[in-house]
Amino acid sequence: MSTSKNALLSTGSKGIDELLGGGVEKGVLTQIYGPFASGKTTLAMQIGLLNKGKVAYIDTEAGFSPERLKVMASSRGLNPEEVLQKFLLFEPENFREQGKIIARLKKIVDQRFSLVVVDSITAHYRVESNKQAGSTELSKQLQVLLWLARKYKIAVIVINQVFHDSTANVLRPIAEQTLGYKCKDILRLERLERPGVRIAVLERHRYKPEGGMVYFKITDKGIEDV
């Protein structure tokens, strides 16, 4: 199955683009998950930086850094101020506020946008005391994001955290079933013992075989191939 180039957003990494069948798909939800400092936020910011169109960025963990974005832009020969103006930043303080912001996007997002990022979608969710109500609310938020992706043919990236599954002794994504049900493409990022080197693993894709893997590094430019 081939996808026209304008239906994809480049990640800026040839390896990760190839892993994803050419880039991040529009019209679907893409989940990027992994442990702390594995490159999730840098990758999401870079995708917004390198592609045309406005970016709605919901930052739940104070991980979005305008200074970092400016450095990435300058390192790539782009105008830092122009790049910064593309990003519309939201900072919800709790899970309920996050839901309200996502609902408001239906009135904000239009054809000028190419990307919506929720970084991370589970930071506030994981501290909810009523997990059943939290899961219902998470599903609602994902449904709105999917509606936006389809209506405006934009890419939507939901960044997810991990927890340690002691039974299997592995790191697993939070709310795995709820997110897995809505996200057609899933990319896992991992840190390696080699300083600065990370790996990206394709866990699910609409038409590519799962399990593909590439190495990348984090530099002043952002994410680069090793």
Protein backbone atom coordinates (compact mmCIF):
# COMPACT_ATOMS: atom_id res chain seq x y z
CA MET A 1 0.00 0.00 0.00
CA SER A 2 1.46 3.38 -0.95
CA THR A 3 0.65 6.71 0.59
CA SER A 4 0.97 10.00 -1.27
CA LYS A 5 3.78 12.18 0.08
CA ASN A 6 1.47 15.02 1.11
CA ALA A 7 -0.33 12.60 3.43
CA LEU A 8 2.85 12.29 5.53
CA LEU A 9 4.91 14.54 7.79
CA SER A 10 8.67 13.99 7.80
CA THR A 11 10.32 13.35 11.16
CA GLY A 12 13.61 14.77 9.92
CA SER A 13 15.22 11.35 10.37
CA LYS A 14 15.57 9.24 7.24
CA GLY A 15 15.61 6.07 9.34
CA ILE A 16 12.46 6.89 11.34
CA ASP A 17 10.68 8.10 8.19
CA GLU A 18 11.41 4.77 6.47
CA LEU A 19 10.27 2.90 9.57
CA LEU A 20 6.91 4.76 9.39
CA GLY A 21 6.46 4.20 5.65
CA GLY A 22 7.64 7.70 4.70
CA GLY A 23 6.72 9.75 7.76
CA VAL A 24 3.95 10.39 10.27
CA GLU A 25 0.58 9.65 8.71
CA LYS A 26 -2.21 12.21 8.52
CA GLY A 27 -5.78 11.26 9.37
CA VAL A 28 -4.82 8.77 12.11
CA LEU A 29 -3.48 8.84 15.67
CA THR A 30 0.20 7.96 16.10
CA GLN A 31 1.35 6.93 19.57
CA ILE A 32 4.98 7.53 20.56
CA TYR A 33 5.92 6.02 23.90
CA GLY A 34 9.03 5.25 25.90
CA PRO A 35 10.86 5.95 29.16
CA PHE A 36 12.03 9.33 30.42
CA ALA A 37 14.61 11.09 28.20
CA SER A 38 14.18 8.67 25.28
CA GLY A 39 13.57 11.54 22.83
CA LYS A 40 9.75 11.63 22.63
CA THR A 41 9.31 15.39 23.11
CA THR A 42 12.30 16.26 20.92
CA LEU A 43 10.88 14.11 18.11
CA ALA A 44 7.41 15.68 18.38
CA MET A 45 8.84 19.23 18.43
CA GLN A 46 11.04 18.41 15.44
CA ILE A 47 8.10 17.15 13.36
CA GLY A 48 6.29 20.43 14.05
CA LEU A 49 9.43 22.42 13.30
CA LEU A 50 10.19 20.83 9.92
CA ASN A 51 6.73 20.68 8.33
CA LYS A 52 4.50 23.42 6.96
CA GLY A 53 1.40 24.36 8.90
CA LYS A 54 0.54 25.37 12.44
CA VAL A 55 0.99 23.06 15.43
CA ALA A 56 -1.36 22.74 18.42
CA TYR A 57 0.88 21.49 21.24
CA ILE A 58 -0.70 20.36 24.53
CA ASP A 59 2.10 20.22 27.09
CA THR A 60 1.06 18.41 30.28
CA GLU A 61 4.54 17.93 31.77
CA ALA A 62 6.25 21.29 31.15
CA GLY A 63 8.49 19.47 28.68
CA PHE A 64 8.03 21.90 25.79
CA SER A 65 10.99 24.31 25.73
CA PRO A 66 10.85 27.39 23.44
CA GLU A 67 14.60 27.80 24.01
CA ARG A 68 15.27 24.25 22.85
CA LEU A 69 13.04 24.79 19.81
CA LYS A 70 14.99 27.95 18.91
CA VAL A 71 18.31 26.08 19.13
CA MET A 72 16.94 23.30 16.91
CA ALA A 73 15.68 25.86 14.38
CA SER A 74 18.94 27.84 14.32
CA SER A 75 21.00 24.63 13.96
CA ARG A 76 18.96 23.82 10.86
CA GLY A 77 19.24 27.31 9.35
CA LEU A 78 15.62 28.22 10.10
CA ASN A 79 14.31 31.46 11.60
CA PRO A 80 13.72 30.68 15.31
CA GLU A 81 11.02 33.35 15.79
CA GLU A 82 9.07 32.23 12.71
CA VAL A 83 9.23 28.63 13.89
CA LEU A 84 8.04 29.58 17.39
CA GLN A 85 5.04 31.43 15.95
CA LYS A 86 3.82 28.21 14.30
CA PHE A 87 3.27 26.59 17.70
CA LEU A 88 0.10 27.17 19.70
CA LEU A 89 0.89 26.01 23.24
CA PHE A 90 -1.60 24.78 25.86
CA GLU A 91 -0.65 23.78 29.41
CA PRO A 92 -3.47 21.96 31.25
CA GLU A 93 -2.96 21.61 34.99
CA ASN A 94 -5.09 18.49 35.44
CA PHE A 95 -6.86 15.74 33.50
CA ARG A 96 -10.22 17.54 33.39
CA GLU A 97 -8.61 20.71 32.02
CA GLN A 98 -6.79 18.57 29.46
CA GLY A 99 -10.16 17.25 28.26
CA LYS A 100 -11.57 20.77 27.98
CA ILE A 101 -8.58 21.95 25.93
CA ILE A 102 -8.84 18.96 23.57
CA ALA A 103 -12.58 19.67 23.13
CA ARG A 104 -11.78 23.35 22.42
CA LEU A 105 -9.45 22.30 19.61
CA LYS A 106 -12.58 21.55 17.55
CA LYS A 107 -13.10 25.33 17.36
CA ILE A 108 -9.43 26.24 16.98
CA VAL A 109 -7.92 23.73 14.54
CA ASP A 110 -8.57 24.31 10.83
CA GLN A 111 -6.86 23.85 7.46
CA ARG A 112 -3.89 25.96 8.56
CA PHE A 113 -2.81 23.22 10.97
CA SER A 114 -0.74 20.18 10.03
CA LEU A 115 -0.14 18.67 13.48
CA VAL A 116 -1.62 18.23 16.95
CA VAL A 117 0.58 16.89 19.77
CA VAL A 118 -0.49 15.81 23.27
CA ASP A 119 2.67 15.43 25.37
CA SER A 120 1.92 13.34 27.28
CA ILE A 121 -1.67 12.19 27.13
CA THR A 122 -1.31 10.05 30.29
CA ALA A 123 0.64 12.29 32.73
CA HIS A 124 -2.54 13.65 34.38
CA TYR A 125 -4.50 10.44 33.71
CA ARG A 126 -2.10 8.29 35.75
CA VAL A 127 -2.79 10.25 38.96
CA GLU A 128 -6.59 9.96 38.62
CA SER A 129 -8.02 8.08 41.61
CA ASN A 130 -11.06 6.71 39.75
CA LYS A 131 -9.43 4.68 36.96
CA GLN A 132 -12.73 3.62 35.39
CA ALA A 133 -13.93 7.22 35.01
CA GLY A 134 -10.43 8.18 33.89
CA SER A 135 -10.44 5.54 31.14
CA THR A 136 -13.84 6.75 29.91
CA GLU A 137 -12.56 10.34 29.80
CA LEU A 138 -9.35 9.24 28.04
CA SER A 139 -11.42 7.46 25.39
CA LYS A 140 -13.46 10.64 24.85
CA GLN A 141 -10.30 12.70 24.42
CA LEU A 142 -8.88 10.22 21.91
CA GLN A 143 -12.17 10.23 19.99
CA VAL A 144 -12.01 14.04 19.62
CA LEU A 145 -8.38 13.83 18.48
CA LEU A 146 -9.31 11.17 15.92
CA TRP A 147 -12.18 13.35 14.68
CA LEU A 148 -9.74 16.26 14.19
CA ALA A 149 -7.23 14.02 12.39
CA ARG A 150 -9.87 12.81 9.95
CA LYS A 151 -11.79 16.06 9.42
CA TYR A 152 -8.73 18.22 8.71
CA LYS A 153 -6.45 15.45 7.38
CA ILE A 154 -3.78 16.30 9.93
CA ALA A 155 -1.29 14.24 11.89
CA VAL A 156 -2.03 13.71 15.58
CA ILE A 157 0.73 12.47 17.89
CA VAL A 158 -0.10 11.25 21.37
CA ILE A 159 2.96 10.79 23.54
CA ASN A 160 2.67 8.16 26.24
CA GLN A 161 4.57 7.22 29.38
CA VAL A 162 5.55 3.75 30.55
CA PHE A 163 5.26 1.70 33.72
CA HIS A 164 7.15 -1.38 34.88
CA ASP A 165 5.12 -4.56 34.50
CA SER A 166 6.62 -6.68 37.29
CA THR A 167 4.89 -9.86 36.09
CA ALA A 168 6.59 -9.81 32.69
CA ASN A 169 9.52 -7.64 33.86
CA VAL A 170 9.10 -5.20 30.95
CA LEU A 171 8.17 -1.56 30.44
CA ARG A 172 4.66 -1.20 29.06
CA PRO A 173 2.70 1.84 27.84
CA ILE A 174 0.17 3.29 30.27
CA ALA A 175 -3.52 2.70 29.37
CA GLU A 176 -2.23 0.28 26.73
CA GLN A 177 -5.62 -1.07 25.65
CA THR A 178 -7.43 2.28 25.55
CA LEU A 179 -4.70 3.92 23.47
CA GLY A 180 -4.00 0.83 21.41
CA TYR A 181 -7.63 0.73 20.33
CA LYS A 182 -7.47 4.23 18.81
CA CYS A 183 -3.84 4.50 17.65
CA LYS A 184 -3.16 2.91 14.26
CA ASP A 185 0.60 3.57 14.31
CA ILE A 186 2.72 2.97 17.43
CA LEU A 187 6.40 3.85 17.81
CA ARG A 188 8.45 2.87 20.86
CA LEU A 189 11.60 4.79 21.77
CA GLU A 190 14.32 3.35 24.01
CA ARG A 191 17.55 4.55 25.56
CA LEU A 192 20.66 2.43 25.13
CA GLU A 193 23.72 2.10 27.33
CA ARG A 194 25.78 3.77 24.62
CA PRO A 195 25.71 7.48 25.60
CA GLY A 196 23.44 9.57 23.37
CA VAL A 197 22.20 6.68 21.22
CA ARG A 198 18.53 5.68 21.15
CA ILE A 199 16.43 3.21 19.19
CA ALA A 200 13.01 3.56 17.60
CA VAL A 201 10.96 0.37 17.22
CA LEU A 202 7.81 0.10 15.10
CA GLU A 203 5.24 -1.70 17.25
CA ARG A 204 2.25 -1.27 14.98
CA HIS A 205 1.50 0.25 11.60
CA ARG A 206 -1.45 0.25 9.25
CA TYR A 207 0.47 -1.47 6.46
CA LYS A 208 4.09 -2.05 7.52
CA PRO A 209 5.31 -5.14 9.38
CA GLU A 210 5.94 -4.57 13.08
CA GLY A 211 9.33 -4.94 14.72
CA GLY A 212 11.42 -2.74 12.42
CA MET A 213 14.12 -0.83 14.31
CA VAL A 214 16.47 2.11 13.69
CA TYR A 215 19.12 3.92 15.73
CA PHE A 216 19.11 7.68 16.28
CA LYS A 217 20.87 10.30 18.40
CA ILE A 218 19.83 13.57 20.06
CA THR A 219 21.88 16.64 19.12
CA ASP A 220 21.49 20.44 18.99
CA LYS A 221 19.57 19.91 15.75
CA GLY A 222 17.16 17.55 17.51
CA ILE A 223 16.81 13.95 16.32
CA GLU A 224 19.45 12.73 13.83
CA ASP A 225 20.30 9.39 12.27
CA VAL A 226 23.29 7.50 13.68
